[in-house]
PDB file of N, CA and C in Angstrom:
ATOM      1  N   UNK A   1       0.866  -1.149  -0.027  1.00  0.00           N
ATOM      2  CA  UNK A   1       0.004  -0.045  -0.055  1.00  0.00           C
ATOM      3  C   UNK A   1       0.852   1.327   0.076  1.00  0.00           C
ATOM      4  N   UNK A   2       0.805   1.915  -1.002  1.00  0.00           N
ATOM      5  CA  UNK A   2       1.486   3.079  -1.053  1.00  0.00           C
ATOM      6  C   UNK A   2       1.164   4.034   0.032  1.00  0.00           C
ATOM      7  N   UNK A   3       2.044   4.873   0.717  1.00  0.00           N
ATOM      8  CA  UNK A   3       1.955   5.863   1.477  1.00  0.00           C
ATOM      9  C   UNK A   3       2.082   7.411   0.873  1.00  0.00           C
ATOM     10  N   UNK A   4       1.538   8.366   1.943  1.00  0.00           N
ATOM     11  CA  UNK A   4       1.762   9.672   1.379  1.00  0.00           C
ATOM     12  C   UNK A   4       2.984  10.033   0.613  1.00  0.00           C
ATOM     13  N   UNK A   5       4.123   9.824   1.244  1.00  0.00           N
ATOM     14  CA  UNK A   5       5.448  10.096   0.556  1.00  0.00           C
ATOM     15  C   UNK A   5       5.856   9.292  -0.405  1.00  0.00           C
ATOM     16  N   UNK A   6       4.999   8.324  -1.174  1.00  0.00           N
ATOM     17  CA  UNK A   6       5.296   7.676  -2.331  1.00  0.00           C
ATOM     18  C   UNK A   6       5.142   8.386  -3.674  1.00  0.00           C
ATOM     19  N   UNK A   7       4.212   9.490  -3.483  1.00  0.00           N
ATOM     20  CA  UNK A   7       3.879  10.320  -4.514  1.00  0.00           C
ATOM     21  C   UNK A   7       4.981  11.184  -4.715  1.00  0.00           C
ATOM     22  N   UNK A   8       5.609  11.228  -5.807  1.00  0.00           N
ATOM     23  CA  UNK A   8       6.736  12.428  -6.115  1.00  0.00           C
ATOM     24  C   UNK A   8       6.272  13.752  -6.057  1.00  0.00           C
ATOM     25  N   UNK A   9       5.119  14.056  -6.509  1.00  0.00           N
ATOM     26  CA  UNK A   9       4.468  15.333  -6.304  1.00  0.00           C
ATOM     27  C   UNK A   9       4.230  15.828  -4.736  1.00  0.00           C
ATOM     28  N   UNK A  10       3.889  14.747  -4.025  1.00  0.00           N
ATOM     29  CA  UNK A  10       3.752  15.190  -2.455  1.00  0.00           C
ATOM     30  C   UNK A  10       5.218  15.345  -1.930  1.00  0.00           C
ATOM     31  N   UNK A  11       6.055  14.619  -2.355  1.00  0.00           N
ATOM     32  CA  UNK A  11       7.574  14.797  -1.884  1.00  0.00           C
ATOM     33  C   UNK A  11       8.023  15.884  -2.014  1.00  0.00           C
ATOM     34  N   UNK A  12       7.885  16.320  -3.351  1.00  0.00           N
ATOM     35  CA  UNK A  12       8.480  17.632  -4.024  1.00  0.00           C
ATOM     36  C   UNK A  12       7.732  18.918  -3.125  1.00  0.00           C
ATOM     37  N   UNK A  13       6.476  18.770  -2.999  1.00  0.00           N
ATOM     38  CA  UNK A  13       5.827  19.776  -2.204  1.00  0.00           C
ATOM     39  C   UNK A  13       6.497  19.858  -0.944  1.00  0.00           C
ATOM     40  N   UNK A  14       6.691  18.905  -0.225  1.00  0.00           N
ATOM     41  CA  UNK A  14       7.392  18.679   1.323  1.00  0.00           C
ATOM     42  C   UNK A  14       8.665  19.428   1.100  1.00  0.00           C
ATOM     43  N   UNK A  15       9.514  19.134   0.160  1.00  0.00           N
ATOM     44  CA  UNK A  15      10.771  19.812   0.105  1.00  0.00           C
ATOM     45  C   UNK A  15      10.595  21.338  -0.077  1.00  0.00           C
ATOM     46  N   UNK A  16       9.587  21.669  -0.980  1.00  0.00           N
ATOM     47  CA  UNK A  16       9.514  23.157  -1.039  1.00  0.00           C
ATOM     48  C   UNK A  16       9.126  23.837   0.109  1.00  0.00           C
ATOM     49  N   UNK A  17       8.257  23.140   1.029  1.00  0.00           N
ATOM     50  CA  UNK A  17       7.791  23.445   2.212  1.00  0.00           C
ATOM     51  C   UNK A  17       8.752  23.573   3.112  1.00  0.00           C
ATOM     52  N   UNK A  18       9.939  22.625   3.285  1.00  0.00           N
ATOM     53  CA  UNK A  18      11.122  22.858   4.125  1.00  0.00           C
ATOM     54  C   UNK A  18      12.033  24.090   3.710  1.00  0.00           C
ATOM     55  N   UNK A  19      11.882  24.232   2.323  1.00  0.00           N
ATOM     56  CA  UNK A  19      12.858  25.419   1.946  1.00  0.00           C
ATOM     57  C   UNK A  19      12.108  26.755   2.343  1.00  0.00           C
ATOM     58  N   UNK A  20      10.726  26.735   2.326  1.00  0.00           N
ATOM     59  CA  UNK A  20      10.025  28.026   2.436  1.00  0.00           C
ATOM     60  C   UNK A  20      10.069  28.188   4.039  1.00  0.00           C
ATOM     61  N   UNK A  21       9.980  27.205   4.841  1.00  0.00           N
ATOM     62  CA  UNK A  21      10.183  27.201   6.446  1.00  0.00           C
ATOM     63  C   UNK A  21      11.518  27.738   7.006  1.00  0.00           C
ATOM     64  N   UNK A  22      12.655  27.307   6.255  1.00  0.00           N
ATOM     65  CA  UNK A  22      13.976  27.855   6.427  1.00  0.00           C
ATOM     66  C   UNK A  22      14.141  29.167   5.971  1.00  0.00           C
ATOM     67  N   UNK A  23      13.453  29.688   4.971  1.00  0.00           N
ATOM     68  CA  UNK A  23      13.762  31.049   4.588  1.00  0.00           C
ATOM     69  C   UNK A  23      13.055  31.964   5.596  1.00  0.00           C
ATOM     70  N   UNK A  24      11.710  31.430   6.061  1.00  0.00           N
ATOM     71  CA  UNK A  24      10.872  32.151   6.843  1.00  0.00           C
ATOM     72  C   UNK A  24      11.799  32.364   8.315  1.00  0.00           C
ATOM     73  N   UNK A  25      12.264  31.176   8.618  1.00  0.00           N
ATOM     74  CA  UNK A  25      13.199  31.408   9.991  1.00  0.00           C
ATOM     75  C   UNK A  25      14.423  32.404   9.736  1.00  0.00           C
ATOM     76  N   UNK A  26      14.714  32.582   8.405  1.00  0.00           N
ATOM     77  CA  UNK A  26      15.907  33.576   8.387  1.00  0.00           C
ATOM     78  C   UNK A  26      15.408  34.723   8.002  1.00  0.00           C
ATOM     79  N   UNK A  27      14.307  35.344   8.204  1.00  0.00           N
ATOM     80  CA  UNK A  27      13.711  36.670   7.631  1.00  0.00           C
ATOM     81  C   UNK A  27      13.422  37.511   8.740  1.00  0.00           C
ATOM     82  N   UNK A  28      13.039  38.778   8.467  1.00  0.00           N
ATOM     83  CA  UNK A  28      12.747  39.804   9.423  1.00  0.00           C
ATOM     84  C   UNK A  28      11.944  39.342  10.728  1.00  0.00           C
ATOM     85  N   UNK A  29      10.821  38.994  10.449  1.00  0.00           N
ATOM     86  CA  UNK A  29      10.018  38.640  11.601  1.00  0.00           C
ATOM     87  C   UNK A  29      10.568  37.901  12.858  1.00  0.00           C
ATOM     88  N   UNK A  30      11.062  36.796  12.321  1.00  0.00           N
ATOM     89  CA  UNK A  30      11.848  35.836  13.413  1.00  0.00           C
ATOM     90  C   UNK A  30      13.054  36.476  14.025  1.00  0.00           C
ATOM     91  N   UNK A  31      13.734  37.129  13.111  1.00  0.00           N
ATOM     92  CA  UNK A  31      15.137  37.454  13.622  1.00  0.00           C
ATOM     93  C   UNK A  31      14.772  38.770  14.532  1.00  0.00           C
ATOM     94  N   UNK A  32      13.898  39.404  14.273  1.00  0.00           N
ATOM     95  CA  UNK A  32      13.301  40.719  15.126  1.00  0.00           C
ATOM     96  C   UNK A  32      12.866  40.140  16.455  1.00  0.00           C
ATOM     97  N   UNK A  33      12.178  38.892  16.623  1.00  0.00           N
ATOM     98  CA  UNK A  33      11.731  38.610  17.626  1.00  0.00           C
ATOM     99  C   UNK A  33      12.868  37.933  18.629  1.00  0.00           C
ATOM    100  N   UNK A  34      13.812  37.480  18.022  1.00  0.00           N
ATOM    101  CA  UNK A  34      14.850  36.822  18.960  1.00  0.00           C
ATOM    102  C   UNK A  34      16.254  37.756  18.882  1.00  0.00           C
ATOM    103  N   UNK A  35      16.182  38.919  18.542  1.00  0.00           N
ATOM    104  CA  UNK A  35      17.173  40.123  18.419  1.00  0.00           C
ATOM    105  C   UNK A  35      16.934  40.782  19.649  1.00  0.00           C
ATOM    106  N   UNK A  36      17.042  40.155  20.943  1.00  0.00           N
ATOM    107  CA  UNK A  36      16.917  40.830  22.307  1.00  0.00           C
ATOM    108  C   UNK A  36      18.272  40.819  22.932  1.00  0.00           C
ATOM    109  N   UNK A  37      18.299  41.817  24.010  1.00  0.00           N
ATOM    110  CA  UNK A  37      19.583  42.096  24.808  1.00  0.00           C
ATOM    111  C   UNK A  37      19.571  40.628  25.836  1.00  0.00           C
ATOM    112  N   UNK A  38      18.559  40.169  26.144  1.00  0.00           N
ATOM    113  CA  UNK A  38      18.689  39.145  27.152  1.00  0.00           C
ATOM    114  C   UNK A  38      19.260  38.024  26.848  1.00  0.00           C
ATOM    115  N   UNK A  39      20.474  37.643  27.575  1.00  0.00           N
ATOM    116  CA  UNK A  39      21.286  36.393  27.207  1.00  0.00           C
ATOM    117  C   UNK A  39      20.655  35.194  28.033  1.00  0.00           C
ATOM    118  N   UNK A  40      20.851  34.177  27.388  1.00  0.00           N
ATOM    119  CA  UNK A  40      20.259  32.907  28.036  1.00  0.00           C
ATOM    120  C   UNK A  40      21.666  32.015  28.183  1.00  0.00           C
ATOM    121  N   UNK A  41      21.800  31.644  29.548  1.00  0.00           N
ATOM    122  CA  UNK A  41      23.317  31.015  29.800  1.00  0.00           C
ATOM    123  C   UNK A  41      24.499  31.820  29.304  1.00  0.00           C
ATOM    124  N   UNK A  42      24.405  33.103  29.355  1.00  0.00           N
ATOM    125  CA  UNK A  42      25.464  34.111  28.790  1.00  0.00           C
ATOM    126  C   UNK A  42      25.542  34.039  27.320  1.00  0.00           C
ATOM    127  N   UNK A  43      24.789  33.505  26.364  1.00  0.00           N
ATOM    128  CA  UNK A  43      24.747  33.697  25.083  1.00  0.00           C
ATOM    129  C   UNK A  43      23.598  34.517  24.691  1.00  0.00           C
ATOM    130  N   UNK A  44      23.898  35.450  23.779  1.00  0.00           N
ATOM    131  CA  UNK A  44      22.741  36.245  23.293  1.00  0.00           C
ATOM    132  C   UNK A  44      21.575  35.495  22.453  1.00  0.00           C
ATOM    133  N   UNK A  45      20.389  36.039  22.817  1.00  0.00           N
ATOM    134  CA  UNK A  45      19.092  35.098  22.198  1.00  0.00           C
ATOM    135  C   UNK A  45      19.211  35.017  20.783  1.00  0.00           C
ATOM    136  N   UNK A  46      19.769  36.048  19.960  1.00  0.00           N
ATOM    137  CA  UNK A  46      19.968  35.762  18.666  1.00  0.00           C
ATOM    138  C   UNK A  46      20.766  34.500  18.156  1.00  0.00           C
ATOM    139  N   UNK A  47      21.951  34.689  18.880  1.00  0.00           N
ATOM    140  CA  UNK A  47      23.161  33.690  18.538  1.00  0.00           C
ATOM    141  C   UNK A  47      22.748  32.333  19.034  1.00  0.00           C
ATOM    142  N   UNK A  48      21.886  32.103  20.142  1.00  0.00           N
ATOM    143  CA  UNK A  48      21.271  31.022  20.691  1.00  0.00           C
ATOM    144  C   UNK A  48      20.350  30.420  19.501  1.00  0.00           C
ATOM    145  N   UNK A  49      19.450  31.331  18.897  1.00  0.00           N
ATOM    146  CA  UNK A  49      18.527  30.949  17.880  1.00  0.00           C
ATOM    147  C   UNK A  49      19.215  30.455  16.924  1.00  0.00           C
ATOM    148  N   UNK A  50      20.370  30.984  16.224  1.00  0.00           N
ATOM    149  CA  UNK A  50      20.976  30.393  15.206  1.00  0.00           C
ATOM    150  C   UNK A  50      21.600  29.098  15.632  1.00  0.00           C
ATOM    151  N   UNK A  51      22.219  28.890  16.828  1.00  0.00           N
ATOM    152  CA  UNK A  51      22.876  27.594  17.342  1.00  0.00           C
ATOM    153  C   UNK A  51      21.891  26.663  17.281  1.00  0.00           C
ATOM    154  N   UNK A  52      20.726  26.763  17.693  1.00  0.00           N
ATOM    155  CA  UNK A  52      19.749  25.804  17.943  1.00  0.00           C
ATOM    156  C   UNK A  52      18.836  25.803  16.640  1.00  0.00           C
ATOM    157  N   UNK A  53      18.471  26.782  16.167  1.00  0.00           N
ATOM    158  CA  UNK A  53      17.469  26.644  15.043  1.00  0.00           C
ATOM    159  C   UNK A  53      18.077  26.025  13.662  1.00  0.00           C
ATOM    160  N   UNK A  54      19.471  26.372  13.528  1.00  0.00           N
ATOM    161  CA  UNK A  54      20.166  25.790  12.327  1.00  0.00           C
ATOM    162  C   UNK A  54      20.340  24.231  12.307  1.00  0.00           C
ATOM    163  N   UNK A  55      21.063  23.748  13.456  1.00  0.00           N
ATOM    164  CA  UNK A  55      21.012  22.137  13.537  1.00  0.00           C
ATOM    165  C   UNK A  55      19.650  21.619  13.580  1.00  0.00           C
ATOM    166  N   UNK A  56      18.874  22.221  14.120  1.00  0.00           N
ATOM    167  CA  UNK A  56      17.314  21.543  14.281  1.00  0.00           C
ATOM    168  C   UNK A  56      16.781  21.512  12.869  1.00  0.00           C
ATOM    169  N   UNK A  57      16.897  22.704  12.169  1.00  0.00           N
ATOM    170  CA  UNK A  57      16.365  22.341  10.892  1.00  0.00           C
ATOM    171  C   UNK A  57      16.987  21.334   9.962  1.00  0.00           C
ATOM    172  N   UNK A  58      18.227  21.225  10.089  1.00  0.00           N
ATOM    173  CA  UNK A  58      19.208  20.284   9.403  1.00  0.00           C
ATOM    174  C   UNK A  58      18.636  18.775   9.860  1.00  0.00           C
ATOM    175  N   UNK A  59      18.638  18.625  11.012  1.00  0.00           N
ATOM    176  CA  UNK A  59      18.067  17.248  11.662  1.00  0.00           C
ATOM    177  C   UNK A  59      16.576  16.910  11.117  1.00  0.00           C
ATOM    178  N   UNK A  60      15.793  17.932  11.070  1.00  0.00           N
ATOM    179  CA  UNK A  60      14.389  17.767  10.395  1.00  0.00           C
ATOM    180  C   UNK A  60      14.317  17.309   8.877  1.00  0.00           C
ATOM    181  N   UNK A  61      15.085  18.012   8.317  1.00  0.00           N
ATOM    182  CA  UNK A  61      15.482  17.674   6.860  1.00  0.00           C
ATOM    183  C   UNK A  61      16.110  16.336   6.854  1.00  0.00           C
ATOM    184  N   UNK A  62      16.903  16.119   7.431  1.00  0.00           N
ATOM    185  CA  UNK A  62      17.552  14.774   7.572  1.00  0.00           C
ATOM    186  C   UNK A  62      16.627  13.378   7.899  1.00  0.00           C
ATOM    187  N   UNK A  63      15.799  13.894   8.816  1.00  0.00           N
ATOM    188  CA  UNK A  63      14.983  12.731   9.186  1.00  0.00           C
ATOM    189  C   UNK A  63      13.870  12.681   7.998  1.00  0.00           C
ATOM    190  N   UNK A  64      13.537  13.854   7.376  1.00  0.00           N
ATOM    191  CA  UNK A  64      12.472  13.757   6.480  1.00  0.00           C
ATOM    192  C   UNK A  64      12.950  12.911   5.141  1.00  0.00           C
ATOM    193  N   UNK A  65      14.325  13.173   4.883  1.00  0.00           N
ATOM    194  CA  UNK A  65      14.957  12.441   3.644  1.00  0.00           C
ATOM    195  C   UNK A  65      15.337  11.254   3.704  1.00  0.00           C
ATOM    196  N   UNK A  66      15.483  10.732   5.184  1.00  0.00           N
ATOM    197  CA  UNK A  66      15.461   9.309   5.638  1.00  0.00           C
ATOM    198  C   UNK A  66      14.385   8.546   5.325  1.00  0.00           C
ATOM    199  N   UNK A  67      13.370   9.388   5.813  1.00  0.00           N
ATOM    200  CA  UNK A  67      12.131   8.598   5.924  1.00  0.00           C
ATOM    201  C   UNK A  67      11.634   8.472   4.367  1.00  0.00           C
ATOM    202  N   UNK A  68      11.784   9.353   3.400  1.00  0.00           N
ATOM    203  CA  UNK A  68      11.486   9.408   2.211  1.00  0.00           C
ATOM    204  C   UNK A  68      12.282   8.039   1.474  1.00  0.00           C
ATOM    205  N   UNK A  69      13.746   8.049   1.766  1.00  0.00           N
ATOM    206  CA  UNK A  69      14.392   6.972   1.390  1.00  0.00           C
ATOM    207  C   UNK A  69      13.827   5.517   1.687  1.00  0.00           C
ATOM    208  N   UNK A  70      13.758   5.274   3.070  1.00  0.00           N
ATOM    209  CA  UNK A  70      13.356   4.038   3.530  1.00  0.00           C
ATOM    210  C   UNK A  70      11.992   3.782   3.090  1.00  0.00           C
ATOM    211  N   UNK A  71      11.009   4.688   2.989  1.00  0.00           N
ATOM    212  CA  UNK A  71       9.791   4.312   2.165  1.00  0.00           C
ATOM    213  C   UNK A  71       9.909   3.919   0.850  1.00  0.00           C
ATOM    214  N   UNK A  72      10.562   4.907  -0.032  1.00  0.00           N
ATOM    215  CA  UNK A  72      11.001   4.415  -1.263  1.00  0.00           C
ATOM    216  C   UNK A  72      11.512   3.055  -1.311  1.00  0.00           C
ATOM    217  N   UNK A  73      12.582   2.593  -0.494  1.00  0.00           N
ATOM    218  CA  UNK A  73      13.219   1.319  -0.650  1.00  0.00           C
ATOM    219  C   UNK A  73      12.144   0.338  -0.464  1.00  0.00           C
ATOM    220  N   UNK A  74      11.312   0.355   0.426  1.00  0.00           N
ATOM    221  CA  UNK A  74      10.295  -0.707   0.582  1.00  0.00           C
ATOM    222  C   UNK A  74       9.487  -0.996  -0.435  1.00  0.00           C
ATOM    223  N   UNK A  75       8.831   0.295  -1.219  1.00  0.00           N
ATOM    224  CA  UNK A  75       7.760  -0.025  -2.088  1.00  0.00           C
ATOM    225  C   UNK A  75       8.610  -0.380  -3.509  1.00  0.00           C
ATOM    226  N   UNK A  76       9.943  -0.019  -3.579  1.00  0.00           N
ATOM    227  CA  UNK A  76      10.513  -0.645  -5.003  1.00  0.00           C
ATOM    228  C   UNK A  76      11.089  -1.999  -4.992  1.00  0.00           C
ATOM    229  N   UNK A  77      10.987  -2.694  -4.083  1.00  0.00           N
ATOM    230  CA  UNK A  77      11.554  -4.054  -3.814  1.00  0.00           C
ATOM    231  C   UNK A  77      10.580  -4.990  -4.869  1.00  0.00           C
ATOM    232  N   UNK A  78      11.291  -5.685  -5.694  1.00  0.00           N
ATOM    233  CA  UNK A  78      10.506  -6.731  -6.202  1.00  0.00           C
ATOM    234  C   UNK A  78       9.602  -7.644  -5.606  1.00  0.00           C
ATOM    235  N   UNK A  79       8.654  -8.178  -6.088  1.00  0.00           N
ATOM    236  CA  UNK A  79       7.915  -9.190  -5.190  1.00  0.00           C
ATOM    237  C   UNK A  79       8.733 -10.360  -5.063  1.00  0.00           C
ATOM    238  N   UNK A  80       8.599 -11.047  -3.858  1.00  0.00           N
ATOM    239  CA  UNK A  80       9.347 -12.358  -3.507  1.00  0.00           C
ATOM    240  C   UNK A  80       9.216 -13.503  -4.593  1.00  0.00           C
ATOM    241  N   UNK A  81      10.107 -14.220  -4.942  1.00  0.00           N
ATOM    242  CA  UNK A  81      10.100 -15.446  -5.714  1.00  0.00           C
ATOM    243  C   UNK A  81       9.339 -16.595  -5.189  1.00  0.00           C
ATOM    244  N   UNK A  82       8.492 -17.096  -5.791  1.00  0.00           N
ATOM    245  CA  UNK A  82       7.909 -18.266  -5.421  1.00  0.00           C
ATOM    246  C   UNK A  82       8.334 -19.627  -6.095  1.00  0.00           C
ATOM    247  N   UNK A  83       8.442 -20.497  -5.531  1.00  0.00           N
ATOM    248  CA  UNK A  83       8.900 -21.777  -6.206  1.00  0.00           C
ATOM    249  C   UNK A  83       7.470 -22.578  -6.130  1.00  0.00           C
ATOM    250  N   UNK A  84       7.377 -23.197  -7.151  1.00  0.00           N
ATOM    251  CA  UNK A  84       6.266 -24.083  -7.255  1.00  0.00           C
ATOM    252  C   UNK A  84       7.016 -25.605  -7.003  1.00  0.00           C
ATOM    253  N   UNK A  85       6.265 -26.294  -6.127  1.00  0.00           N
ATOM    254  CA  UNK A  85       6.649 -27.819  -5.696  1.00  0.00           C
ATOM    255  C   UNK A  85       5.835 -28.574  -6.375  1.00  0.00           C
ATOM    256  N   UNK A  86       6.521 -29.635  -7.026  1.00  0.00           N
ATOM    257  CA  UNK A  86       5.723 -30.569  -7.715  1.00  0.00           C
ATOM    258  C   UNK A  86       5.223 -31.900  -6.970  1.00  0.00           C
TER     259      UNK A  86
END
């Protein structure tokens, strides 16, 4: 049974969504929200946003691509060979 990620159009849309979310994370509204003088653990909030947000987005993309790869690998396998016994 094919899942939602087996459709190439849906996976393309998901990659586009990941790209758009990454661009939004690096644009004015989010940067303005985190551009505060309050440090957390001695690290400015904007720097902490980059130090946490960037690896987190890479992790999400990695997990997404791994899910696509695993899902595609299970659906592209040939059917098992059957032997007829006489």
